Amino acid sequence: MLRIQNVVKSYQDLKAVKGIDLEVPGGELFGFLGPNGAGKTTTIKMIVGLLKPTSGTISIGGFDIGSQSTEAKSILGYIPDRPFIYEKLTGREYLSFIGDLYNMDADAANEEAQKYLDFFDLTDAGDKLVEGYSHGMKQKLIISGALLHDPKLVVVDEPMVGLDPKGARQVKQLFRDLCRKGTCIFMSTHSLGIAQAMCDRIGIIQKGEVIALGTLDELRQQADHEHLEDIFLELTGDTHLEQLSGMMAASGQSA
């Protein structure tokens, strides 16, 4: 469903992304992890068409995001880490607006909107202005809008931001249900616990290059650790945190 072939992104003398090759099939929840500044956000922006690669190609469902952007974006849903919503709209009006953007039949859009409002316990808030929503309610509305047109690929940047435990569980359930029906989810997160619990495969990027790729069991073989946090720290070389924790434990303090 998602194919990234030898993608490079350069800014003058800086190569933010250095020849990434990835393929993610339908039905897979793929975790894309990396330290700050590793190239995750740049890669995501290229996938969704907000940035143009310096070289290489990205295709979604066989459509090139550069030369066939309309077709590619019609089957793409994007959930950014810092979403923007028109706050003078009601939640229901916002979802109707999204349906119009994707040329959805009005009745079908309203039916899908109601489904997600019900799922996220937003039915009572659906006719209230978004400006009165909490952060978590806005995140649920953004997720609903991204999924309204039944995309084949969903790109997610930090999906649990602002969500309480119930909301986080709802999103996890929703993502699993989507994958079971064949949707591809490409998820970037700093929450390694969420990635370990949810992802079918994981790619780790550092300094613009994918340095590890595979299932959790395959990554365990590469790093000889059980937990994803320890695997991540070893593969990215961020061992100073482990050293600090050990020093504090030795001195009777807690990290």
Protein backbone atom coordinates (compact mmCIF):
# COMPACT_ATOMS: atom_id res chain seq x y z
CA MET A 1 0.00 0.00 0.00
CA LEU A 2 2.84 2.40 0.87
CA ARG A 3 6.09 2.22 -1.07
CA ILE A 4 9.06 4.49 -0.41
CA GLN A 5 11.90 4.01 -2.87
CA ASN A 6 15.35 5.53 -2.34
CA VAL A 7 13.89 8.78 -1.00
CA VAL A 8 16.29 11.62 -0.23
CA LYS A 9 15.46 15.06 1.17
CA SER A 10 18.19 17.68 1.19
CA TYR A 11 18.26 21.24 2.48
CA GLN A 12 21.31 22.86 0.88
CA ASP A 13 24.23 20.97 2.48
CA LEU A 14 22.06 19.05 4.97
CA LYS A 15 20.58 15.65 4.09
CA ALA A 16 17.59 15.23 6.38
CA VAL A 17 16.63 11.90 4.79
CA LYS A 18 19.23 9.68 3.14
CA GLY A 19 17.88 7.14 0.71
CA ILE A 20 15.03 5.50 2.63
CA ASP A 21 13.47 2.32 1.24
CA LEU A 22 10.30 1.03 2.91
CA GLU A 23 7.27 -0.97 1.88
CA VAL A 24 4.20 -1.31 4.13
CA PRO A 25 1.34 -3.58 3.00
CA GLY A 26 -2.35 -3.19 3.66
CA GLY A 27 -3.47 -4.51 7.03
CA GLU A 28 -0.19 -3.70 8.78
CA LEU A 29 0.32 -1.26 11.64
CA PHE A 30 3.85 0.01 11.07
CA GLY A 31 5.71 1.93 13.77
CA PHE A 32 8.18 4.60 12.66
CA LEU A 33 10.49 5.52 15.53
CA GLY A 34 13.53 7.71 16.00
CA PRO A 35 15.16 10.34 18.21
CA ASN A 36 14.35 14.03 17.81
CA GLY A 37 15.82 15.33 14.56
CA ALA A 38 16.19 11.85 13.06
CA GLY A 39 14.06 12.61 9.98
CA LYS A 40 10.67 11.22 11.06
CA THR A 41 8.65 14.39 10.51
CA THR A 42 10.39 15.12 7.20
CA THR A 43 9.56 11.61 6.00
CA ILE A 44 5.94 11.90 7.09
CA LYS A 45 5.54 15.25 5.34
CA MET A 46 6.88 13.73 2.13
CA ILE A 47 4.50 10.77 2.40
CA VAL A 48 1.44 13.02 2.74
CA GLY A 49 2.59 15.44 0.03
CA LEU A 50 3.52 18.44 2.20
CA LEU A 51 7.16 18.21 1.13
CA LYS A 52 8.64 17.10 -2.18
CA PRO A 53 11.53 14.60 -2.09
CA THR A 54 14.83 15.78 -3.52
CA SER A 55 15.00 12.39 -5.22
CA GLY A 56 13.25 9.04 -5.06
CA THR A 57 9.56 8.16 -5.22
CA ILE A 58 6.67 7.60 -2.82
CA SER A 59 3.52 5.81 -3.92
CA ILE A 60 0.25 5.12 -2.13
CA GLY A 61 -1.89 2.33 -3.52
CA GLY A 62 0.17 2.49 -6.71
CA PHE A 63 -0.31 6.28 -7.13
CA ASP A 64 2.76 8.51 -7.07
CA ILE A 65 2.28 11.21 -4.43
CA GLY A 66 4.11 13.69 -6.65
CA SER A 67 2.70 13.13 -10.13
CA GLN A 68 -0.67 11.62 -9.09
CA SER A 69 -1.31 13.56 -5.93
CA THR A 70 -5.10 13.80 -6.28
CA GLU A 71 -5.48 10.04 -6.64
CA ALA A 72 -2.98 9.30 -3.87
CA LYS A 73 -4.50 11.76 -1.40
CA SER A 74 -8.01 10.45 -2.07
CA ILE A 75 -7.04 7.19 -0.31
CA LEU A 76 -4.87 8.83 2.37
CA GLY A 77 -5.81 9.93 5.88
CA TYR A 78 -3.40 12.13 7.89
CA ILE A 79 -3.48 12.69 11.65
CA PRO A 80 -0.77 15.28 12.48
CA ASP A 81 0.74 15.86 15.91
CA ARG A 82 -0.36 19.52 15.88
CA PRO A 83 -3.74 19.58 14.16
CA PHE A 84 -5.58 22.71 13.09
CA ILE A 85 -9.36 22.93 13.32
CA TYR A 86 -11.69 25.77 12.38
CA GLU A 87 -12.92 26.45 15.90
CA LYS A 88 -15.96 28.49 14.86
CA LEU A 89 -17.48 25.34 13.36
CA THR A 90 -19.34 22.75 15.36
CA GLY A 91 -17.89 19.25 15.43
CA ARG A 92 -20.56 18.05 13.04
CA GLU A 93 -19.97 20.99 10.67
CA TYR A 94 -16.24 20.26 10.69
CA LEU A 95 -16.84 16.63 9.68
CA SER A 96 -19.29 17.75 6.99
CA PHE A 97 -16.61 20.11 5.66
CA ILE A 98 -14.11 17.23 5.51
CA GLY A 99 -16.66 15.13 3.65
CA ASP A 100 -17.05 17.90 1.09
CA LEU A 101 -13.26 18.05 0.60
CA TYR A 102 -13.29 14.38 -0.38
CA ASN A 103 -16.41 14.75 -2.57
CA MET A 104 -18.33 12.33 -0.38
CA ASP A 105 -22.06 11.92 -0.82
CA ALA A 106 -23.69 14.11 1.85
CA ASP A 107 -25.78 11.30 3.32
CA ALA A 108 -22.80 8.94 3.43
CA ALA A 109 -20.63 11.63 5.05
CA ASN A 110 -23.28 12.34 7.69
CA GLU A 111 -23.64 8.63 8.41
CA GLU A 112 -19.89 8.19 8.84
CA ALA A 113 -19.69 11.35 10.96
CA GLN A 114 -22.38 10.07 13.30
CA LYS A 115 -20.61 6.71 13.56
CA TYR A 116 -17.42 8.37 14.80
CA LEU A 117 -19.21 10.84 17.05
CA ASP A 118 -20.93 7.89 18.70
CA PHE A 119 -17.74 5.85 18.91
CA PHE A 120 -15.80 8.66 20.61
CA ASP A 121 -18.70 9.72 22.90
CA LEU A 122 -18.92 13.08 21.11
CA THR A 123 -22.58 12.93 20.06
CA ASP A 124 -23.69 15.50 22.65
CA ALA A 125 -20.80 17.78 21.69
CA GLY A 126 -21.35 17.38 17.95
CA ASP A 127 -23.50 20.50 17.67
CA LYS A 128 -21.29 22.65 19.89
CA LEU A 129 -18.48 24.90 18.67
CA VAL A 130 -15.06 23.27 18.53
CA GLU A 131 -13.58 26.20 20.46
CA GLY A 132 -15.23 24.78 23.57
CA TYR A 133 -13.70 21.32 23.13
CA SER A 134 -10.95 19.97 25.35
CA HIS A 135 -7.63 18.96 23.80
CA GLY A 136 -8.66 15.32 23.88
CA MET A 137 -12.02 16.02 22.23
CA LYS A 138 -10.26 17.93 19.45
CA GLN A 139 -7.89 15.01 18.92
CA LYS A 140 -10.83 12.61 18.63
CA LEU A 141 -12.47 14.94 16.11
CA ILE A 142 -9.27 15.15 14.04
CA ILE A 143 -9.02 11.35 14.00
CA SER A 144 -12.67 11.11 12.95
CA GLY A 145 -12.09 13.54 10.11
CA ALA A 146 -9.01 11.67 8.89
CA LEU A 147 -10.96 8.40 8.75
CA LEU A 148 -14.25 9.77 7.41
CA HIS A 149 -13.59 8.86 3.75
CA ASP A 150 -12.37 5.32 4.59
CA PRO A 151 -8.72 5.81 3.54
CA LYS A 152 -6.54 2.87 2.56
CA LEU A 153 -3.47 4.41 4.24
CA VAL A 154 -3.56 6.33 7.53
CA VAL A 155 -0.44 8.31 8.51
CA VAL A 156 -0.41 9.13 12.21
CA ASP A 157 1.99 11.37 14.13
CA GLU A 158 1.66 10.91 17.92
CA PRO A 159 -1.94 9.58 17.96
CA MET A 160 -2.46 9.64 21.75
CA VAL A 161 -1.61 13.31 22.37
CA GLY A 162 -4.14 14.79 24.78
CA LEU A 163 -6.16 11.61 25.18
CA ASP A 164 -7.20 10.22 28.55
CA PRO A 165 -6.86 6.44 29.18
CA LYS A 166 -10.35 5.74 27.83
CA GLY A 167 -9.70 7.76 24.68
CA ALA A 168 -6.35 6.06 24.14
CA ARG A 169 -8.02 2.66 24.45
CA GLN A 170 -10.68 3.70 21.93
CA VAL A 171 -8.00 4.73 19.43
CA LYS A 172 -6.08 1.48 19.92
CA GLN A 173 -9.27 -0.50 19.32
CA LEU A 174 -10.09 1.58 16.26
CA PHE A 175 -6.64 1.12 14.73
CA ARG A 176 -6.77 -2.65 15.28
CA ASP A 177 -10.21 -2.81 13.66
CA LEU A 178 -8.97 -0.80 10.67
CA CYS A 179 -5.96 -3.07 10.18
CA ARG A 180 -8.17 -6.17 10.37
CA LYS A 181 -10.16 -4.89 7.41
CA GLY A 182 -7.01 -4.18 5.40
CA THR A 183 -6.16 -0.54 6.16
CA CYS A 184 -2.45 0.30 6.34
CA ILE A 185 -1.43 2.46 9.32
CA PHE A 186 1.93 4.24 9.39
CA MET A 187 2.42 5.53 12.93
CA SER A 188 5.17 7.70 14.38
CA THR A 189 5.35 7.97 18.17
CA HIS A 190 7.76 8.63 21.02
CA SER A 191 5.70 6.32 23.23
CA LEU A 192 7.68 3.11 22.94
CA GLY A 193 5.19 1.25 25.14
CA ILE A 194 2.41 2.00 22.65
CA ALA A 195 4.63 0.96 19.74
CA GLN A 196 5.59 -2.30 21.45
CA ALA A 197 1.96 -3.15 22.23
CA MET A 198 0.45 -2.19 18.88
CA CYS A 199 2.87 -2.43 15.96
CA ASP A 200 3.25 -5.41 13.64
CA ARG A 201 6.61 -4.14 12.41
CA ILE A 202 8.86 -1.28 13.45
CA GLY A 203 11.38 0.85 11.60
CA ILE A 204 13.92 2.94 13.49
CA ILE A 205 15.39 5.99 11.78
CA GLN A 206 18.49 7.88 12.90
CA LYS A 207 20.28 10.72 11.15
CA GLY A 208 18.07 10.27 8.11
CA GLU A 209 18.69 6.54 7.67
CA VAL A 210 16.65 3.48 8.65
CA ILE A 211 19.00 1.61 10.98
CA ALA A 212 16.64 -1.21 12.00
CA LEU A 213 13.54 -2.78 10.50
CA GLY A 214 11.44 -5.77 11.47
CA THR A 215 9.05 -7.33 13.93
CA LEU A 216 9.69 -6.89 17.64
CA ASP A 217 11.18 -10.39 17.79
CA GLU A 218 13.52 -9.57 14.90
CA LEU A 219 14.63 -6.34 16.61
CA ARG A 220 15.21 -8.29 19.83
CA GLN A 221 17.67 -10.48 17.95
CA GLN A 222 19.52 -7.41 16.67
CA ALA A 223 19.87 -5.74 20.07
CA ASP A 224 19.61 -8.70 22.49
CA HIS A 225 17.04 -6.93 24.69
CA GLU A 226 13.47 -7.84 25.61
CA HIS A 227 11.83 -4.41 25.78
CA LEU A 228 11.54 -1.96 22.90
CA GLU A 229 12.83 0.93 25.03
CA ASP A 230 16.13 -0.90 25.67
CA ILE A 231 16.33 -1.97 22.01
CA PHE A 232 15.75 1.61 20.86
CA LEU A 233 18.34 3.07 23.22
CA GLU A 234 21.00 0.56 22.19
CA LEU A 235 20.39 0.84 18.44
CA THR A 236 20.33 4.65 18.49
CA GLY A 237 23.31 4.88 20.85
CA ASP A 238 21.34 6.74 23.54
CA THR A 239 22.89 4.75 26.37
CA HIS A 240 23.55 7.76 28.63
CA LEU A 241 20.01 7.46 30.01
CA GLU A 242 20.66 3.90 31.11
CA GLN A 243 23.97 4.95 32.65
CA LEU A 244 22.31 7.83 34.52
CA SER A 245 19.59 5.52 35.82
CA GLY A 246 22.22 3.08 37.08
CA MET A 247 24.20 5.83 38.78
CA MET A 248 21.12 7.20 40.53
CA ALA A 249 20.06 3.71 41.64
CA ALA A 250 23.54 3.14 43.08
CA SER A 251 23.30 6.39 45.07
CA GLY A 252 19.85 5.53 46.41
CA GLN A 253 17.93 7.98 44.18
CA SER A 254 15.19 7.26 41.65
CA ALA A 255 15.23 8.47 38.04
